[in-house]
């Protein structure tokens, strides 16, 4: 682990796990990068209009976690690049392992 990267910072919250995401819309393709400073960087091909990027984010993170998209919710940041997500039914170690691996 370099000084630029760090483990994903996750917190138990309401029967699930919450974590921070930094989104880069209009990327060449959808991709989850290694955690940086405790935040999960995500690149999305979708533009940040009409909720397209948020919907793409939830689908991509759900797929990476191996859960249905209905179990991933946007807690905050719907209009910005910095967001907080919550996933139902996974503990912090499971989330960290699945997204950091």
PDB file of N, CA and C in Angstrom:
ATOM      1  N   UNK A   1       0.851  -1.176   0.000  1.00  0.00           N
ATOM      2  CA  UNK A   1       0.000   0.000   0.000  1.00  0.00           C
ATOM      3  C   UNK A   1       0.890   1.231   0.000  1.00  0.00           C
ATOM      4  N   UNK A   2       0.604   2.147  -0.929  1.00  0.00           N
ATOM      5  CA  UNK A   2       1.389   3.369  -0.998  1.00  0.00           C
ATOM      6  C   UNK A   2       0.738   4.440  -0.135  1.00  0.00           C
ATOM      7  N   UNK A   3       1.422   5.566  -0.012  1.00  0.00           N
ATOM      8  CA  UNK A   3       0.856   6.647   0.779  1.00  0.00           C
ATOM      9  C   UNK A   3      -0.388   7.232   0.115  1.00  0.00           C
ATOM     10  N   UNK A   4      -0.546   7.023  -1.204  1.00  0.00           N
ATOM     11  CA  UNK A   4      -1.713   7.538  -1.910  1.00  0.00           C
ATOM     12  C   UNK A   4      -2.951   6.687  -1.676  1.00  0.00           C
ATOM     13  N   UNK A   5      -2.760   5.400  -1.405  1.00  0.00           N
ATOM     14  CA  UNK A   5      -3.903   4.520  -1.230  1.00  0.00           C
ATOM     15  C   UNK A   5      -4.077   4.175   0.231  1.00  0.00           C
ATOM     16  N   UNK A   6      -5.290   3.855   0.580  1.00  0.00           N
ATOM     17  CA  UNK A   6      -5.591   3.445   1.947  1.00  0.00           C
ATOM     18  C   UNK A   6      -6.812   2.550   1.881  1.00  0.00           C
ATOM     19  N   UNK A   7      -7.005   1.788   2.920  1.00  0.00           N
ATOM     20  CA  UNK A   7      -8.184   0.929   2.974  1.00  0.00           C
ATOM     21  C   UNK A   7      -9.443   1.781   2.923  1.00  0.00           C
ATOM     22  N   UNK A   8     -10.462   1.230   2.345  1.00  0.00           N
ATOM     23  CA  UNK A   8     -11.749   1.911   2.280  1.00  0.00           C
ATOM     24  C   UNK A   8     -12.291   2.108   3.688  1.00  0.00           C
ATOM     25  N   UNK A   9     -12.704   3.325   3.988  1.00  0.00           N
ATOM     26  CA  UNK A   9     -13.275   3.646   5.292  1.00  0.00           C
ATOM     27  C   UNK A   9     -14.769   3.324   5.253  1.00  0.00           C
ATOM     28  N   UNK A  10     -15.197   2.389   6.088  1.00  0.00           N
ATOM     29  CA  UNK A  10     -16.599   1.958   6.119  1.00  0.00           C
ATOM     30  C   UNK A  10     -17.126   2.036   7.547  1.00  0.00           C
ATOM     31  N   UNK A  11     -18.449   2.244   7.681  1.00  0.00           N
ATOM     32  CA  UNK A  11     -19.076   2.334   8.992  1.00  0.00           C
ATOM     33  C   UNK A  11     -20.352   1.500   8.988  1.00  0.00           C
ATOM     34  N   UNK A  12     -20.602   0.811  10.098  1.00  0.00           N
ATOM     35  CA  UNK A  12     -21.865   0.098  10.273  1.00  0.00           C
ATOM     36  C   UNK A  12     -22.956   1.131  10.489  1.00  0.00           C
ATOM     37  N   UNK A  13     -24.079   0.955   9.780  1.00  0.00           N
ATOM     38  CA  UNK A  13     -25.170   1.922   9.904  1.00  0.00           C
ATOM     39  C   UNK A  13     -26.491   1.249   9.550  1.00  0.00           C
ATOM     40  N   UNK A  14     -27.439   1.242  10.455  1.00  0.00           N
ATOM     41  CA  UNK A  14     -28.814   0.788  10.212  1.00  0.00           C
ATOM     42  C   UNK A  14     -28.908  -0.572   9.518  1.00  0.00           C
ATOM     43  N   UNK A  15     -28.204  -1.570  10.024  1.00  0.00           N
ATOM     44  CA  UNK A  15     -28.291  -2.911   9.450  1.00  0.00           C
ATOM     45  C   UNK A  15     -27.523  -3.100   8.164  1.00  0.00           C
ATOM     46  N   UNK A  16     -26.651  -2.166   7.874  1.00  0.00           N
ATOM     47  CA  UNK A  16     -25.840  -2.254   6.665  1.00  0.00           C
ATOM     48  C   UNK A  16     -24.521  -1.550   6.876  1.00  0.00           C
ATOM     49  N   UNK A  17     -23.901  -1.159   5.786  1.00  0.00           N
ATOM     50  CA  UNK A  17     -22.598  -0.511   5.843  1.00  0.00           C
ATOM     51  C   UNK A  17     -22.605   0.716   4.936  1.00  0.00           C
ATOM     52  N   UNK A  18     -22.067   1.820   5.442  1.00  0.00           N
ATOM     53  CA  UNK A  18     -21.976   3.068   4.682  1.00  0.00           C
ATOM     54  C   UNK A  18     -20.518   3.369   4.356  1.00  0.00           C
ATOM     55  N   UNK A  19     -20.308   4.029   3.208  1.00  0.00           N
ATOM     56  CA  UNK A  19     -18.951   4.392   2.799  1.00  0.00           C
ATOM     57  C   UNK A  19     -19.007   5.550   1.820  1.00  0.00           C
ATOM     58  N   UNK A  20     -17.878   6.243   1.662  1.00  0.00           N
ATOM     59  CA  UNK A  20     -17.785   7.418   0.793  1.00  0.00           C
ATOM     60  C   UNK A  20     -17.290   7.017  -0.593  1.00  0.00           C
ATOM     61  N   UNK A  21     -17.814   7.731  -1.593  1.00  0.00           N
ATOM     62  CA  UNK A  21     -17.464   7.504  -2.988  1.00  0.00           C
ATOM     63  C   UNK A  21     -17.181   8.851  -3.631  1.00  0.00           C
ATOM     64  N   UNK A  22     -16.211   8.891  -4.521  1.00  0.00           N
ATOM     65  CA  UNK A  22     -15.941  10.088  -5.332  1.00  0.00           C
ATOM     66  C   UNK A  22     -16.133   9.693  -6.783  1.00  0.00           C
ATOM     67  N   UNK A  23     -17.106  10.302  -7.446  1.00  0.00           N
ATOM     68  CA  UNK A  23     -17.489   9.923  -8.801  1.00  0.00           C
ATOM     69  C   UNK A  23     -16.870  10.857  -9.837  1.00  0.00           C
ATOM     70  N   UNK A  24     -16.373  10.264 -10.916  1.00  0.00           N
ATOM     71  CA  UNK A  24     -15.934  11.011 -12.088  1.00  0.00           C
ATOM     72  C   UNK A  24     -16.858  10.606 -13.231  1.00  0.00           C
ATOM     73  N   UNK A  25     -17.804  11.484 -13.607  1.00  0.00           N
ATOM     74  CA  UNK A  25     -18.715  11.153 -14.702  1.00  0.00           C
ATOM     75  C   UNK A  25     -18.046  11.363 -16.060  1.00  0.00           C
ATOM     76  N   UNK A  26     -18.687  10.851 -17.089  1.00  0.00           N
ATOM     77  CA  UNK A  26     -18.223  10.972 -18.476  1.00  0.00           C
ATOM     78  C   UNK A  26     -16.836  10.370 -18.687  1.00  0.00           C
ATOM     79  N   UNK A  27     -16.533   9.322 -17.965  1.00  0.00           N
ATOM     80  CA  UNK A  27     -15.265   8.610 -18.158  1.00  0.00           C
ATOM     81  C   UNK A  27     -15.396   7.721 -19.391  1.00  0.00           C
ATOM     82  N   UNK A  28     -14.308   7.162 -19.835  1.00  0.00           N
ATOM     83  CA  UNK A  28     -14.339   6.297 -21.005  1.00  0.00           C
ATOM     84  C   UNK A  28     -15.164   5.037 -20.786  1.00  0.00           C
ATOM     85  N   UNK A  29     -15.129   4.520 -19.562  1.00  0.00           N
ATOM     86  CA  UNK A  29     -15.904   3.324 -19.235  1.00  0.00           C
ATOM     87  C   UNK A  29     -16.156   3.310 -17.735  1.00  0.00           C
ATOM     88  N   UNK A  30     -17.087   2.463 -17.314  1.00  0.00           N
ATOM     89  CA  UNK A  30     -17.379   2.323 -15.890  1.00  0.00           C
ATOM     90  C   UNK A  30     -16.253   1.536 -15.230  1.00  0.00           C
ATOM     91  N   UNK A  31     -15.777   2.040 -14.097  1.00  0.00           N
ATOM     92  CA  UNK A  31     -14.660   1.382 -13.420  1.00  0.00           C
ATOM     93  C   UNK A  31     -14.578   1.833 -11.972  1.00  0.00           C
ATOM     94  N   UNK A  32     -14.249   0.884 -11.092  1.00  0.00           N
ATOM     95  CA  UNK A  32     -13.989   1.192  -9.690  1.00  0.00           C
ATOM     96  C   UNK A  32     -12.489   1.116  -9.494  1.00  0.00           C
ATOM     97  N   UNK A  33     -11.902   2.202  -9.025  1.00  0.00           N
ATOM     98  CA  UNK A  33     -10.461   2.253  -8.775  1.00  0.00           C
ATOM     99  C   UNK A  33     -10.167   1.859  -7.334  1.00  0.00           C
ATOM    100  N   UNK A  34      -8.906   1.567  -7.013  1.00  0.00           N
ATOM    101  CA  UNK A  34      -8.562   1.241  -5.620  1.00  0.00           C
ATOM    102  C   UNK A  34      -8.865   2.420  -4.696  1.00  0.00           C
ATOM    103  N   UNK A  35      -9.275   2.123  -3.468  1.00  0.00           N
ATOM    104  CA  UNK A  35      -9.578   3.204  -2.510  1.00  0.00           C
ATOM    105  C   UNK A  35      -8.399   4.153  -2.352  1.00  0.00           C
ATOM    106  N   UNK A  36      -8.746   5.412  -2.155  1.00  0.00           N
ATOM    107  CA  UNK A  36      -7.730   6.452  -1.988  1.00  0.00           C
ATOM    108  C   UNK A  36      -8.165   7.331  -0.822  1.00  0.00           C
ATOM    109  N   UNK A  37      -7.313   7.436   0.170  1.00  0.00           N
ATOM    110  CA  UNK A  37      -7.594   8.245   1.361  1.00  0.00           C
ATOM    111  C   UNK A  37      -8.935   7.861   1.982  1.00  0.00           C
ATOM    112  N   UNK A  38      -9.243   6.559   1.976  1.00  0.00           N
ATOM    113  CA  UNK A  38     -10.457   6.058   2.598  1.00  0.00           C
ATOM    114  C   UNK A  38     -11.716   6.174   1.759  1.00  0.00           C
ATOM    115  N   UNK A  39     -11.596   6.741   0.565  1.00  0.00           N
ATOM    116  CA  UNK A  39     -12.747   6.972  -0.319  1.00  0.00           C
ATOM    117  C   UNK A  39     -12.618   6.083  -1.551  1.00  0.00           C
ATOM    118  N   UNK A  40     -13.753   5.601  -2.056  1.00  0.00           N
ATOM    119  CA  UNK A  40     -13.771   4.749  -3.237  1.00  0.00           C
ATOM    120  C   UNK A  40     -13.940   5.597  -4.495  1.00  0.00           C
ATOM    121  N   UNK A  41     -12.894   5.690  -5.344  1.00  0.00           N
ATOM    122  CA  UNK A  41     -13.035   6.439  -6.600  1.00  0.00           C
ATOM    123  C   UNK A  41     -13.756   5.578  -7.644  1.00  0.00           C
ATOM    124  N   UNK A  42     -14.769   6.154  -8.275  1.00  0.00           N
ATOM    125  CA  UNK A  42     -15.543   5.438  -9.287  1.00  0.00           C
ATOM    126  C   UNK A  42     -15.630   6.305 -10.533  1.00  0.00           C
ATOM    127  N   UNK A  43     -15.321   5.696 -11.673  1.00  0.00           N
ATOM    128  CA  UNK A  43     -15.431   6.388 -12.958  1.00  0.00           C
ATOM    129  C   UNK A  43     -16.655   5.831 -13.679  1.00  0.00           C
ATOM    130  N   UNK A  44     -17.475   6.736 -14.190  1.00  0.00           N
ATOM    131  CA  UNK A  44     -18.711   6.330 -14.862  1.00  0.00           C
ATOM    132  C   UNK A  44     -18.778   6.936 -16.256  1.00  0.00           C
ATOM    133  N   UNK A  45     -19.203   6.159 -17.227  1.00  0.00           N
ATOM    134  CA  UNK A  45     -19.383   6.655 -18.584  1.00  0.00           C
ATOM    135  C   UNK A  45     -20.593   7.585 -18.672  1.00  0.00           C
ATOM    136  N   UNK A  46     -21.562   7.384 -17.800  1.00  0.00           N
ATOM    137  CA  UNK A  46     -22.803   8.163 -17.832  1.00  0.00           C
ATOM    138  C   UNK A  46     -22.549   9.632 -17.493  1.00  0.00           C
ATOM    139  N   UNK A  47     -23.311  10.527 -18.140  1.00  0.00           N
ATOM    140  CA  UNK A  47     -23.194  11.951 -17.800  1.00  0.00           C
ATOM    141  C   UNK A  47     -23.976  12.255 -16.524  1.00  0.00           C
ATOM    142  N   UNK A  48     -23.631  13.347 -15.852  1.00  0.00           N
ATOM    143  CA  UNK A  48     -24.320  13.700 -14.599  1.00  0.00           C
ATOM    144  C   UNK A  48     -25.611  14.480 -14.841  1.00  0.00           C
ATOM    145  N   UNK A  49     -26.501  13.917 -15.648  1.00  0.00           N
ATOM    146  CA  UNK A  49     -27.778  14.573 -15.928  1.00  0.00           C
ATOM    147  C   UNK A  49     -28.921  13.594 -15.703  1.00  0.00           C
ATOM    148  N   UNK A  50     -30.044  14.150 -15.237  1.00  0.00           N
ATOM    149  CA  UNK A  50     -31.251  13.345 -15.066  1.00  0.00           C
ATOM    150  C   UNK A  50     -31.041  12.099 -14.201  1.00  0.00           C
ATOM    151  N   UNK A  51     -30.057  12.123 -13.298  1.00  0.00           N
ATOM    152  CA  UNK A  51     -29.831  10.993 -12.413  1.00  0.00           C
ATOM    153  C   UNK A  51     -29.154   9.800 -13.060  1.00  0.00           C
ATOM    154  N   UNK A  52     -28.709   9.949 -14.309  1.00  0.00           N
ATOM    155  CA  UNK A  52     -28.080   8.828 -15.025  1.00  0.00           C
ATOM    156  C   UNK A  52     -26.820   8.331 -14.326  1.00  0.00           C
ATOM    157  N   UNK A  53     -25.966   9.250 -13.897  1.00  0.00           N
ATOM    158  CA  UNK A  53     -24.720   8.843 -13.241  1.00  0.00           C
ATOM    159  C   UNK A  53     -25.013   8.169 -11.900  1.00  0.00           C
ATOM    160  N   UNK A  54     -25.975   8.672 -11.154  1.00  0.00           N
ATOM    161  CA  UNK A  54     -26.314   8.048  -9.868  1.00  0.00           C
ATOM    162  C   UNK A  54     -26.842   6.638 -10.069  1.00  0.00           C
ATOM    163  N   UNK A  55     -27.703   6.442 -11.059  1.00  0.00           N
ATOM    164  CA  UNK A  55     -28.236   5.108 -11.335  1.00  0.00           C
ATOM    165  C   UNK A  55     -27.125   4.157 -11.768  1.00  0.00           C
ATOM    166  N   UNK A  56     -26.221   4.651 -12.616  1.00  0.00           N
ATOM    167  CA  UNK A  56     -25.098   3.822 -13.064  1.00  0.00           C
ATOM    168  C   UNK A  56     -24.183   3.479 -11.890  1.00  0.00           C
ATOM    169  N   UNK A  57     -23.981   4.428 -10.980  1.00  0.00           N
ATOM    170  CA  UNK A  57     -23.160   4.194  -9.797  1.00  0.00           C
ATOM    171  C   UNK A  57     -23.736   3.067  -8.944  1.00  0.00           C
ATOM    172  N   UNK A  58     -25.032   3.130  -8.663  1.00  0.00           N
ATOM    173  CA  UNK A  58     -25.660   2.116  -7.823  1.00  0.00           C
ATOM    174  C   UNK A  58     -25.577   0.737  -8.477  1.00  0.00           C
ATOM    175  N   UNK A  59     -25.797   0.662  -9.783  1.00  0.00           N
ATOM    176  CA  UNK A  59     -25.695  -0.623 -10.493  1.00  0.00           C
ATOM    177  C   UNK A  59     -24.272  -1.174 -10.435  1.00  0.00           C
ATOM    178  N   UNK A  60     -23.278  -0.321 -10.689  1.00  0.00           N
ATOM    179  CA  UNK A  60     -21.881  -0.758 -10.711  1.00  0.00           C
ATOM    180  C   UNK A  60     -21.423  -1.235  -9.336  1.00  0.00           C
ATOM    181  N   UNK A  61     -21.733  -0.491  -8.303  1.00  0.00           N
ATOM    182  CA  UNK A  61     -21.328  -0.867  -6.947  1.00  0.00           C
ATOM    183  C   UNK A  61     -22.045  -2.149  -6.515  1.00  0.00           C
ATOM    184  N   UNK A  62     -23.318  -2.269  -6.837  1.00  0.00           N
ATOM    185  CA  UNK A  62     -24.061  -3.491  -6.496  1.00  0.00           C
ATOM    186  C   UNK A  62     -23.426  -4.707  -7.163  1.00  0.00           C
ATOM    187  N   UNK A  63     -23.062  -4.567  -8.421  1.00  0.00           N
ATOM    188  CA  UNK A  63     -22.427  -5.674  -9.144  1.00  0.00           C
ATOM    189  C   UNK A  63     -21.097  -6.052  -8.496  1.00  0.00           C
ATOM    190  N   UNK A  64     -20.301  -5.042  -8.146  1.00  0.00           N
ATOM    191  CA  UNK A  64     -19.004  -5.304  -7.511  1.00  0.00           C
ATOM    192  C   UNK A  64     -19.165  -5.977  -6.149  1.00  0.00           C
ATOM    193  N   UNK A  65     -20.237  -5.636  -5.442  1.00  0.00           N
ATOM    194  CA  UNK A  65     -20.484  -6.218  -4.124  1.00  0.00           C
ATOM    195  C   UNK A  65     -21.194  -7.569  -4.208  1.00  0.00           C
ATOM    196  N   UNK A  66     -21.736  -7.898  -5.380  1.00  0.00           N
ATOM    197  CA  UNK A  66     -22.450  -9.155  -5.536  1.00  0.00           C
ATOM    198  C   UNK A  66     -23.822  -9.148  -4.882  1.00  0.00           C
ATOM    199  N   UNK A  67     -24.472  -7.990  -4.894  1.00  0.00           N
ATOM    200  CA  UNK A  67     -25.813  -7.861  -4.311  1.00  0.00           C
ATOM    201  C   UNK A  67     -26.744  -7.240  -5.352  1.00  0.00           C
ATOM    202  N   UNK A  68     -28.054  -7.404  -5.186  1.00  0.00           N
ATOM    203  CA  UNK A  68     -29.000  -6.742  -6.097  1.00  0.00           C
ATOM    204  C   UNK A  68     -28.914  -5.222  -5.946  1.00  0.00           C
ATOM    205  N   UNK A  69     -29.126  -4.481  -7.027  1.00  0.00           N
ATOM    206  CA  UNK A  69     -29.078  -3.009  -6.941  1.00  0.00           C
ATOM    207  C   UNK A  69     -30.044  -2.429  -5.915  1.00  0.00           C
ATOM    208  N   UNK A  70     -31.122  -3.120  -5.625  1.00  0.00           N
ATOM    209  CA  UNK A  70     -32.094  -2.617  -4.646  1.00  0.00           C
ATOM    210  C   UNK A  70     -31.517  -2.569  -3.231  1.00  0.00           C
ATOM    211  N   UNK A  71     -30.386  -3.233  -3.001  1.00  0.00           N
ATOM    212  CA  UNK A  71     -29.775  -3.234  -1.665  1.00  0.00           C
ATOM    213  C   UNK A  71     -28.710  -2.150  -1.497  1.00  0.00           C
ATOM    214  N   UNK A  72     -28.507  -1.326  -2.526  1.00  0.00           N
ATOM    215  CA  UNK A  72     -27.547  -0.218  -2.457  1.00  0.00           C
ATOM    216  C   UNK A  72     -28.318   1.083  -2.593  1.00  0.00           C
ATOM    217  N   UNK A  73     -28.078   2.020  -1.667  1.00  0.00           N
ATOM    218  CA  UNK A  73     -28.791   3.299  -1.677  1.00  0.00           C
ATOM    219  C   UNK A  73     -27.817   4.467  -1.588  1.00  0.00           C
ATOM    220  N   UNK A  74     -28.227   5.561  -2.161  1.00  0.00           N
ATOM    221  CA  UNK A  74     -27.487   6.810  -2.080  1.00  0.00           C
ATOM    222  C   UNK A  74     -27.954   7.546  -0.829  1.00  0.00           C
ATOM    223  N   UNK A  75     -27.057   7.752   0.129  1.00  0.00           N
ATOM    224  CA  UNK A  75     -27.406   8.456   1.371  1.00  0.00           C
ATOM    225  C   UNK A  75     -27.307   9.965   1.220  1.00  0.00           C
ATOM    226  N   UNK A  76     -26.269  10.412   0.514  1.00  0.00           N
ATOM    227  CA  UNK A  76     -26.076  11.850   0.338  1.00  0.00           C
ATOM    228  C   UNK A  76     -25.211  12.103  -0.891  1.00  0.00           C
ATOM    229  N   UNK A  77     -25.278  13.340  -1.369  1.00  0.00           N
ATOM    230  CA  UNK A  77     -24.443  13.736  -2.496  1.00  0.00           C
ATOM    231  C   UNK A  77     -25.065  13.508  -3.856  1.00  0.00           C
ATOM    232  N   UNK A  78     -26.372  13.485  -3.939  1.00  0.00           N
ATOM    233  CA  UNK A  78     -27.022  13.173  -5.214  1.00  0.00           C
ATOM    234  C   UNK A  78     -26.664  14.149  -6.333  1.00  0.00           C
ATOM    235  N   UNK A  79     -26.264  15.368  -5.979  1.00  0.00           N
ATOM    236  CA  UNK A  79     -25.943  16.368  -7.005  1.00  0.00           C
ATOM    237  C   UNK A  79     -24.454  16.691  -7.096  1.00  0.00           C
ATOM    238  N   UNK A  80     -23.629  15.999  -6.326  1.00  0.00           N
ATOM    239  CA  UNK A  80     -22.194  16.292  -6.362  1.00  0.00           C
ATOM    240  C   UNK A  80     -21.369  15.064  -6.679  1.00  0.00           C
ATOM    241  N   UNK A  81     -20.076  15.243  -6.725  1.00  0.00           N
ATOM    242  CA  UNK A  81     -19.162  14.127  -6.987  1.00  0.00           C
ATOM    243  C   UNK A  81     -18.893  13.294  -5.738  1.00  0.00           C
ATOM    244  N   UNK A  82     -18.935  13.945  -4.585  1.00  0.00           N
ATOM    245  CA  UNK A  82     -18.698  13.237  -3.324  1.00  0.00           C
ATOM    246  C   UNK A  82     -20.030  12.727  -2.799  1.00  0.00           C
ATOM    247  N   UNK A  83     -20.114  11.419  -2.615  1.00  0.00           N
ATOM    248  CA  UNK A  83     -21.366  10.778  -2.230  1.00  0.00           C
ATOM    249  C   UNK A  83     -21.129   9.817  -1.081  1.00  0.00           C
ATOM    250  N   UNK A  84     -22.215   9.465  -0.385  1.00  0.00           N
ATOM    251  CA  UNK A  84     -22.190   8.397   0.615  1.00  0.00           C
ATOM    252  C   UNK A  84     -23.190   7.353   0.188  1.00  0.00           C
ATOM    253  N   UNK A  85     -22.726   6.122   0.143  1.00  0.00           N
ATOM    254  CA  UNK A  85     -23.580   5.002  -0.215  1.00  0.00           C
ATOM    255  C   UNK A  85     -23.791   4.116   0.998  1.00  0.00           C
ATOM    256  N   UNK A  86     -24.867   3.371   0.966  1.00  0.00           N
ATOM    257  CA  UNK A  86     -25.194   2.405   2.011  1.00  0.00           C
ATOM    258  C   UNK A  86     -25.582   1.115   1.325  1.00  0.00           C
ATOM    259  N   UNK A  87     -25.078   0.004   1.844  1.00  0.00           N
ATOM    260  CA  UNK A  87     -25.445  -1.306   1.314  1.00  0.00           C
ATOM    261  C   UNK A  87     -26.060  -2.125   2.439  1.00  0.00           C
ATOM    262  N   UNK A  88     -27.183  -2.728   2.145  1.00  0.00           N
ATOM    263  CA  UNK A  88     -27.923  -3.523   3.117  1.00  0.00           C
ATOM    264  C   UNK A  88     -27.361  -4.939   3.198  1.00  0.00           C
ATOM    265  N   UNK A  89     -27.217  -5.427   4.431  1.00  0.00           N
ATOM    266  CA  UNK A  89     -26.925  -6.832   4.652  1.00  0.00           C
ATOM    267  C   UNK A  89     -25.476  -7.260   4.582  1.00  0.00           C
ATOM    268  N   UNK A  90     -24.552  -6.356   4.333  1.00  0.00           N
ATOM    269  CA  UNK A  90     -23.133  -6.709   4.334  1.00  0.00           C
ATOM    270  C   UNK A  90     -22.447  -5.987   5.481  1.00  0.00           C
ATOM    271  N   UNK A  91     -21.525  -6.670   6.145  1.00  0.00           N
ATOM    272  CA  UNK A  91     -20.787  -6.010   7.215  1.00  0.00           C
ATOM    273  C   UNK A  91     -19.601  -5.247   6.626  1.00  0.00           C
ATOM    274  N   UNK A  92     -18.978  -4.378   7.405  1.00  0.00           N
ATOM    275  CA  UNK A  92     -17.876  -3.564   6.890  1.00  0.00           C
ATOM    276  C   UNK A  92     -16.737  -4.375   6.275  1.00  0.00           C
ATOM    277  N   UNK A  93     -16.384  -5.496   6.885  1.00  0.00           N
ATOM    278  CA  UNK A  93     -15.290  -6.304   6.325  1.00  0.00           C
ATOM    279  C   UNK A  93     -15.650  -6.858   4.955  1.00  0.00           C
ATOM    280  N   UNK A  94     -16.889  -7.294   4.780  1.00  0.00           N
ATOM    281  CA  UNK A  94     -17.327  -7.812   3.481  1.00  0.00           C
ATOM    282  C   UNK A  94     -17.276  -6.718   2.418  1.00  0.00           C
ATOM    283  N   UNK A  95     -17.759  -5.543   2.752  1.00  0.00           N
ATOM    284  CA  UNK A  95     -17.746  -4.431   1.802  1.00  0.00           C
ATOM    285  C   UNK A  95     -16.312  -4.070   1.446  1.00  0.00           C
ATOM    286  N   UNK A  96     -15.470  -3.915   2.441  1.00  0.00           N
ATOM    287  CA  UNK A  96     -14.081  -3.547   2.205  1.00  0.00           C
ATOM    288  C   UNK A  96     -13.378  -4.588   1.343  1.00  0.00           C
ATOM    289  N   UNK A  97     -13.572  -5.870   1.659  1.00  0.00           N
ATOM    290  CA  UNK A  97     -12.914  -6.930   0.882  1.00  0.00           C
ATOM    291  C   UNK A  97     -13.381  -6.955  -0.559  1.00  0.00           C
ATOM    292  N   UNK A  98     -14.679  -6.825  -0.784  1.00  0.00           N
ATOM    293  CA  UNK A  98     -15.224  -6.920  -2.141  1.00  0.00           C
ATOM    294  C   UNK A  98     -14.888  -5.704  -3.008  1.00  0.00           C
ATOM    295  N   UNK A  99     -14.768  -4.532  -2.397  1.00  0.00           N
ATOM    296  CA  UNK A  99     -14.484  -3.333  -3.165  1.00  0.00           C
ATOM    297  C   UNK A  99     -13.002  -3.012  -3.251  1.00  0.00           C
ATOM    298  N   UNK A 100     -12.213  -3.546  -2.347  1.00  0.00           N
ATOM    299  CA  UNK A 100     -10.782  -3.259  -2.351  1.00  0.00           C
ATOM    300  C   UNK A 100      -9.983  -4.315  -3.090  1.00  0.00           C
ATOM    301  N   UNK A 101     -10.618  -5.435  -3.356  1.00  0.00           N
ATOM    302  CA  UNK A 101      -9.921  -6.547  -3.994  1.00  0.00           C
ATOM    303  C   UNK A 101      -9.869  -6.374  -5.440  1.00  0.00           C
TER     304      UNK A 101
END
